[in-house]
Amino acid sequence: MSAAGYESLLWQDDYLTLMDHSLQSLVERDSLHLTDKNYLNDLEAIYYSPGKFSGKQITLTGFSYNIKKLIMKR
């Protein structure tokens, strides 16, 4: 196996470990609240195993850019 192939396997193993760890803490909850601090990790866990979140309430708190306002401020 090439070095790149081996590195890819290590990355994949790390990803699966991270997802399994995230799922353990998330599936125990009745509801989830995603913020800018946990958004990427928790949303990825939901994407990884969506069936485990069926029936749960998920809320998002964060921000979005309004490109028109950003352009007008320049």
N, C-alpha and C. Protein backbone atom coordinates (compact mmCIF):
# COMPACT_ATOMS: atom_id res chain seq x y z
N MET A 1 0.86 -1.18 0.00
CA MET A 1 0.00 0.00 0.00
C MET A 1 0.90 1.23 0.00
N SER A 2 0.48 2.23 -0.75
CA SER A 2 1.25 3.46 -0.81
C SER A 2 1.07 4.27 0.46
N ALA A 3 1.98 5.22 0.66
CA ALA A 3 1.89 6.09 1.84
C ALA A 3 0.59 6.88 1.83
N ALA A 4 0.17 7.34 0.65
CA ALA A 4 -1.08 8.10 0.55
C ALA A 4 -2.28 7.22 0.90
N GLY A 5 -2.25 5.97 0.46
CA GLY A 5 -3.34 5.05 0.77
C GLY A 5 -3.41 4.74 2.26
N TYR A 6 -2.24 4.56 2.87
CA TYR A 6 -2.18 4.31 4.31
C TYR A 6 -2.68 5.52 5.08
N GLU A 7 -2.27 6.71 4.67
CA GLU A 7 -2.72 7.94 5.32
C GLU A 7 -4.23 8.09 5.20
N SER A 8 -4.78 7.73 4.06
CA SER A 8 -6.22 7.80 3.86
C SER A 8 -6.95 6.85 4.81
N LEU A 9 -6.41 5.66 5.00
CA LEU A 9 -7.03 4.70 5.94
C LEU A 9 -6.98 5.22 7.37
N LEU A 10 -5.86 5.84 7.74
CA LEU A 10 -5.75 6.40 9.09
C LEU A 10 -6.76 7.52 9.29
N TRP A 11 -6.91 8.39 8.28
CA TRP A 11 -7.86 9.48 8.38
C TRP A 11 -9.28 8.92 8.51
N GLN A 12 -9.59 7.91 7.72
CA GLN A 12 -10.92 7.32 7.75
C GLN A 12 -11.19 6.70 9.12
N ASP A 13 -10.20 6.04 9.69
CA ASP A 13 -10.35 5.44 11.01
C ASP A 13 -10.57 6.52 12.07
N ASP A 14 -9.82 7.62 11.99
CA ASP A 14 -10.00 8.74 12.92
C ASP A 14 -11.39 9.34 12.79
N TYR A 15 -11.87 9.47 11.56
CA TYR A 15 -13.20 10.02 11.31
C TYR A 15 -14.27 9.14 11.95
N LEU A 16 -14.18 7.84 11.74
CA LEU A 16 -15.18 6.92 12.29
C LEU A 16 -15.14 6.92 13.82
N THR A 17 -13.95 7.01 14.38
CA THR A 17 -13.82 7.08 15.83
C THR A 17 -14.47 8.35 16.37
N LEU A 18 -14.22 9.46 15.70
CA LEU A 18 -14.83 10.73 16.10
C LEU A 18 -16.36 10.68 16.01
N MET A 19 -16.88 10.11 14.93
CA MET A 19 -18.33 10.03 14.76
C MET A 19 -18.95 9.12 15.82
N ASP A 20 -18.32 8.00 16.09
CA ASP A 20 -18.85 7.10 17.13
C ASP A 20 -18.86 7.77 18.49
N HIS A 21 -17.81 8.51 18.81
CA HIS A 21 -17.74 9.23 20.09
C HIS A 21 -18.81 10.32 20.16
N SER A 22 -19.00 11.05 19.08
CA SER A 22 -20.02 12.10 19.04
C SER A 22 -21.41 11.51 19.19
N LEU A 23 -21.66 10.40 18.50
CA LEU A 23 -22.98 9.78 18.56
C LEU A 23 -23.33 9.32 19.97
N GLN A 24 -22.36 8.81 20.70
CA GLN A 24 -22.62 8.32 22.05
C GLN A 24 -23.24 9.40 22.94
N SER A 25 -22.72 10.61 22.84
CA SER A 25 -23.25 11.67 23.70
C SER A 25 -24.53 12.29 23.13
N LEU A 26 -24.69 12.29 21.82
CA LEU A 26 -25.84 12.95 21.21
C LEU A 26 -27.11 12.12 21.26
N VAL A 27 -27.02 10.82 21.04
CA VAL A 27 -28.24 10.00 20.94
C VAL A 27 -28.95 9.86 22.28
N GLU A 28 -28.27 10.13 23.38
CA GLU A 28 -28.90 10.04 24.70
C GLU A 28 -29.84 11.22 24.97
N ARG A 29 -29.70 12.28 24.23
CA ARG A 29 -30.50 13.49 24.45
C ARG A 29 -31.83 13.43 23.70
N ASP A 30 -32.85 14.08 24.26
CA ASP A 30 -34.15 14.17 23.59
C ASP A 30 -34.16 15.29 22.55
N SER A 31 -33.34 16.30 22.78
CA SER A 31 -33.25 17.42 21.84
C SER A 31 -31.79 17.85 21.72
N LEU A 32 -31.50 18.47 20.58
CA LEU A 32 -30.14 18.93 20.31
C LEU A 32 -30.18 20.41 19.99
N HIS A 33 -29.17 21.12 20.44
CA HIS A 33 -29.05 22.55 20.15
C HIS A 33 -27.69 22.77 19.51
N LEU A 34 -27.69 23.11 18.24
CA LEU A 34 -26.45 23.35 17.52
C LEU A 34 -26.09 24.83 17.57
N THR A 35 -24.85 25.11 17.92
CA THR A 35 -24.34 26.48 17.99
C THR A 35 -23.07 26.58 17.15
N ASP A 36 -22.48 27.75 17.13
CA ASP A 36 -21.24 27.90 16.37
C ASP A 36 -20.11 27.09 16.98
N LYS A 37 -20.21 26.69 18.23
CA LYS A 37 -19.16 25.91 18.88
C LYS A 37 -19.24 24.41 18.56
N ASN A 38 -20.45 23.88 18.37
CA ASN A 38 -20.59 22.44 18.15
C ASN A 38 -21.17 22.09 16.78
N TYR A 39 -21.44 23.08 15.97
CA TYR A 39 -22.17 22.90 14.72
C TYR A 39 -21.53 21.86 13.80
N LEU A 40 -20.28 22.04 13.46
CA LEU A 40 -19.66 21.15 12.47
C LEU A 40 -19.60 19.70 12.95
N ASN A 41 -19.16 19.50 14.16
CA ASN A 41 -19.02 18.14 14.67
C ASN A 41 -20.37 17.46 14.85
N ASP A 42 -21.32 18.15 15.48
CA ASP A 42 -22.62 17.54 15.75
C ASP A 42 -23.44 17.36 14.48
N LEU A 43 -23.40 18.31 13.57
CA LEU A 43 -24.13 18.16 12.32
C LEU A 43 -23.55 17.02 11.49
N GLU A 44 -22.25 16.86 11.51
CA GLU A 44 -21.62 15.75 10.80
C GLU A 44 -22.06 14.41 11.41
N ALA A 45 -22.19 14.36 12.72
CA ALA A 45 -22.67 13.14 13.38
C ALA A 45 -24.11 12.83 12.97
N ILE A 46 -24.94 13.85 12.86
CA ILE A 46 -26.33 13.67 12.40
C ILE A 46 -26.34 13.16 10.96
N TYR A 47 -25.50 13.74 10.13
CA TYR A 47 -25.40 13.32 8.73
C TYR A 47 -24.89 11.88 8.62
N TYR A 48 -23.98 11.51 9.49
CA TYR A 48 -23.36 10.18 9.50
C TYR A 48 -24.38 9.10 9.86
N SER A 49 -25.30 9.42 10.75
CA SER A 49 -26.27 8.41 11.20
C SER A 49 -27.63 9.06 11.48
N PRO A 50 -28.32 9.52 10.43
CA PRO A 50 -29.55 10.29 10.62
C PRO A 50 -30.67 9.53 11.31
N GLY A 51 -30.76 8.24 11.13
CA GLY A 51 -31.84 7.47 11.73
C GLY A 51 -31.85 7.51 13.25
N LYS A 52 -30.70 7.73 13.85
CA LYS A 52 -30.61 7.78 15.31
C LYS A 52 -31.20 9.07 15.88
N PHE A 53 -31.53 10.01 15.02
CA PHE A 53 -32.05 11.29 15.47
C PHE A 53 -33.51 11.49 15.08
N SER A 54 -34.12 10.47 14.58
CA SER A 54 -35.53 10.54 14.20
C SER A 54 -36.38 10.84 15.43
N GLY A 55 -37.24 11.84 15.31
CA GLY A 55 -38.13 12.20 16.41
C GLY A 55 -37.53 13.18 17.40
N LYS A 56 -36.27 13.53 17.25
CA LYS A 56 -35.64 14.48 18.16
C LYS A 56 -35.82 15.90 17.65
N GLN A 57 -35.89 16.84 18.57
CA GLN A 57 -35.98 18.24 18.20
C GLN A 57 -34.56 18.77 18.07
N ILE A 58 -34.28 19.43 16.95
CA ILE A 58 -32.97 20.02 16.71
C ILE A 58 -33.14 21.51 16.46
N THR A 59 -32.45 22.32 17.24
CA THR A 59 -32.50 23.76 17.05
C THR A 59 -31.11 24.26 16.69
N LEU A 60 -31.08 25.36 15.95
CA LEU A 60 -29.84 25.99 15.51
C LEU A 60 -29.80 27.42 16.01
N THR A 61 -28.67 27.83 16.53
CA THR A 61 -28.44 29.22 16.89
C THR A 61 -27.13 29.63 16.26
N GLY A 62 -27.15 30.72 15.54
CA GLY A 62 -25.92 31.14 14.88
C GLY A 62 -26.13 32.42 14.13
N PHE A 63 -25.42 32.53 13.04
CA PHE A 63 -25.48 33.73 12.24
C PHE A 63 -25.42 33.36 10.78
N SER A 64 -25.76 34.31 9.95
CA SER A 64 -25.59 34.14 8.51
C SER A 64 -25.16 35.48 7.94
N TYR A 65 -24.45 35.43 6.86
CA TYR A 65 -24.03 36.65 6.20
C TYR A 65 -25.10 37.09 5.22
N ASN A 66 -25.37 38.38 5.22
CA ASN A 66 -26.25 38.95 4.22
C ASN A 66 -25.34 39.68 3.24
N ILE A 67 -25.08 39.08 2.11
CA ILE A 67 -24.10 39.59 1.16
C ILE A 67 -24.44 41.01 0.70
N LYS A 68 -25.72 41.33 0.55
CA LYS A 68 -26.09 42.68 0.11
C LYS A 68 -25.66 43.72 1.14
N LYS A 69 -25.86 43.44 2.42
CA LYS A 69 -25.45 44.38 3.46
C LYS A 69 -23.93 44.50 3.53
N LEU A 70 -23.23 43.39 3.33
CA LEU A 70 -21.77 43.46 3.35
C LEU A 70 -21.22 44.30 2.19
N ILE A 71 -21.81 44.15 1.03
CA ILE A 71 -21.36 44.92 -0.14
C ILE A 71 -21.67 46.40 0.05
N MET A 72 -22.85 46.72 0.59
CA MET A 72 -23.25 48.11 0.77
C MET A 72 -22.38 48.83 1.80
N LYS A 73 -21.82 48.10 2.77
CA LYS A 73 -20.99 48.72 3.79
C LYS A 73 -19.63 49.12 3.26
N ARG A 74 -19.22 48.59 2.14
CA ARG A 74 -17.91 48.90 1.57
C ARG A 74 -17.90 50.22 0.96
